[in-house]
Amino acid sequence: MLKKAFQKASRARRHHGLFEKIIRHDLALADHLMKTLTQMKATLEAASAGVLVDKSQEYLGYAHLLRDQVERRVLKGETIPHDEKIFSVFEPHTRWISKGKAGTPVELGVPVSCH
C-alpha cells in the first residue's frame, strides 16, 4: 500500500501541483495507518504483550516524526535541520558519514574511530 503510494509520488515529482496532491493523499494514508497502529497497540496492551507494545510505540513515534518532516519539507518548503533527520528506523544510531573519497562522497553508517 505505502510502496505504491511512494512510487506514484516519485513519478509525479515533475508535476508540482500533482506531486503536492499525491503527498497530501499519502499523508492522509499515513495518518490512517498510524491510527490503526494505535488501536492495535491498545489490543496488545490488553493482551500483556510488553515487547510488542514497546516496539509498536517506538515505530509509531518514528512514523509521527517522519510524517511531520515530510509535511514540513515538501508542503511547507522548510529545511529540516540535520540533527532532526533519521537515517534508519531500524538502526537509529546510523549517522551521515562524509568520507570525501572519489565515487563515494557520502555514506550512511557508524564511524569507527581508531586511536
Protein backbone atom coordinates (compact mmCIF):
# COMPACT_ATOMS: atom_id res chain seq x y z
CA MET A 1 0.00 0.00 0.00
CA LEU A 2 2.64 2.54 1.02
CA LYS A 3 5.11 1.28 -1.59
CA LYS A 4 2.61 2.01 -4.38
CA ALA A 5 1.95 5.46 -2.90
CA PHE A 6 5.69 6.17 -2.83
CA GLN A 7 6.14 5.06 -6.45
CA LYS A 8 3.21 7.22 -7.56
CA ALA A 9 4.66 10.26 -5.78
CA SER A 10 8.08 9.61 -7.34
CA ARG A 11 6.59 9.61 -10.83
CA ALA A 12 4.62 12.81 -10.14
CA ARG A 13 7.62 14.85 -8.95
CA ARG A 14 7.87 16.52 -12.35
CA HIS A 15 4.37 17.97 -11.99
CA HIS A 16 4.47 20.14 -8.85
CA GLY A 17 0.69 20.52 -8.34
CA LEU A 18 0.09 16.80 -8.82
CA PHE A 19 3.03 15.96 -6.55
CA GLU A 20 1.60 18.03 -3.69
CA LYS A 21 -1.83 16.44 -4.17
CA ILE A 22 -0.32 12.95 -4.01
CA ILE A 23 1.77 13.85 -0.94
CA ARG A 24 -1.34 15.14 0.84
CA HIS A 25 -3.11 11.88 -0.02
CA ASP A 26 -0.13 9.85 1.20
CA LEU A 27 -0.01 11.82 4.47
CA ALA A 28 -3.71 11.10 4.99
CA LEU A 29 -2.97 7.41 4.35
CA ALA A 30 -0.13 7.56 6.89
CA ASP A 31 -2.48 9.18 9.41
CA HIS A 32 -4.97 6.35 8.88
CA LEU A 33 -2.27 3.69 9.31
CA MET A 34 -0.94 5.38 12.47
CA LYS A 35 -4.46 5.47 13.90
CA THR A 36 -4.84 1.75 13.13
CA LEU A 37 -1.49 1.01 14.79
CA THR A 38 -2.56 2.98 17.87
CA GLN A 39 -5.73 0.87 18.09
CA MET A 40 -3.69 -2.32 17.66
CA LYS A 41 -1.34 -1.16 20.41
CA ALA A 42 -4.29 -0.95 22.80
CA THR A 43 -5.17 -4.56 21.93
CA LEU A 44 -1.57 -5.63 22.55
CA GLU A 45 -1.54 -3.84 25.90
CA ALA A 46 -4.72 -5.70 26.89
CA ALA A 47 -3.02 -8.97 25.92
CA SER A 48 0.05 -8.04 28.03
CA ALA A 49 2.41 -8.31 25.07
CA GLY A 50 5.03 -5.98 26.56
CA VAL A 51 7.80 -6.25 23.96
CA LEU A 52 5.37 -5.80 21.07
CA VAL A 53 3.81 -2.79 22.78
CA ASP A 54 7.25 -1.21 23.30
CA LYS A 55 8.29 -1.80 19.67
CA SER A 56 4.97 -0.59 18.28
CA GLN A 57 5.27 2.58 20.40
CA GLU A 58 8.82 3.13 19.13
CA TYR A 59 7.80 2.74 15.47
CA LEU A 60 4.69 4.86 15.97
CA GLY A 61 6.93 7.63 17.30
CA TYR A 62 9.12 7.37 14.19
CA ALA A 63 6.01 7.41 11.98
CA HIS A 64 4.77 10.64 13.57
CA LEU A 65 8.22 12.24 13.30
CA LEU A 66 8.72 11.25 9.66
CA ARG A 67 5.19 12.31 8.73
CA ASP A 68 5.84 15.71 10.28
CA GLN A 69 9.15 16.05 8.43
CA VAL A 70 7.58 15.18 5.06
CA GLU A 71 4.84 17.74 5.60
CA ARG A 72 7.32 20.42 6.67
CA ARG A 73 9.80 19.76 3.85
CA VAL A 74 7.52 19.02 0.91
CA LEU A 75 4.40 21.05 1.61
CA LYS A 76 5.78 23.94 3.66
CA GLY A 77 9.17 24.21 1.96
CA GLU A 78 11.14 24.09 5.21
CA THR A 79 14.66 22.76 5.54
CA ILE A 80 14.90 20.01 8.14
CA PRO A 81 17.89 20.58 10.49
CA HIS A 82 20.49 17.84 10.27
CA ASP A 83 20.17 16.84 13.93
CA GLU A 84 16.43 16.10 13.43
CA LYS A 85 16.95 13.76 10.47
CA ILE A 86 16.57 9.99 10.83
CA PHE A 87 18.66 7.85 8.51
CA SER A 88 17.42 4.44 9.68
CA VAL A 89 14.35 3.50 11.67
CA PHE A 90 15.75 0.03 12.35
CA GLU A 91 19.21 1.26 13.37
CA PRO A 92 18.69 4.70 14.97
CA HIS A 93 22.40 5.07 15.74
CA THR A 94 23.16 5.31 11.99
CA ARG A 95 24.70 8.64 11.01
CA TRP A 96 25.63 10.52 7.84
CA ILE A 97 29.30 9.92 7.09
CA SER A 98 31.15 12.05 4.55
CA LYS A 99 34.46 10.45 3.67
CA GLY A 100 35.35 12.55 0.65
CA LYS A 101 36.62 9.57 -1.37
CA ALA A 102 36.11 9.58 -5.12
CA GLY A 103 32.97 7.71 -6.08
CA THR A 104 31.58 7.56 -2.53
CA PRO A 105 31.25 11.14 -1.31
CA VAL A 106 28.55 10.23 1.22
CA GLU A 107 27.84 7.09 3.20
CA LEU A 108 25.49 6.10 5.99
CA GLY A 109 26.74 4.10 8.95
CA VAL A 110 28.56 4.37 12.21
CA PRO A 111 32.00 5.94 12.06
CA VAL A 112 34.70 3.76 13.54
CA SER A 113 37.40 5.68 15.33
CA CYS A 114 40.88 4.22 15.52
CA HIS A 115 43.20 5.60 18.16
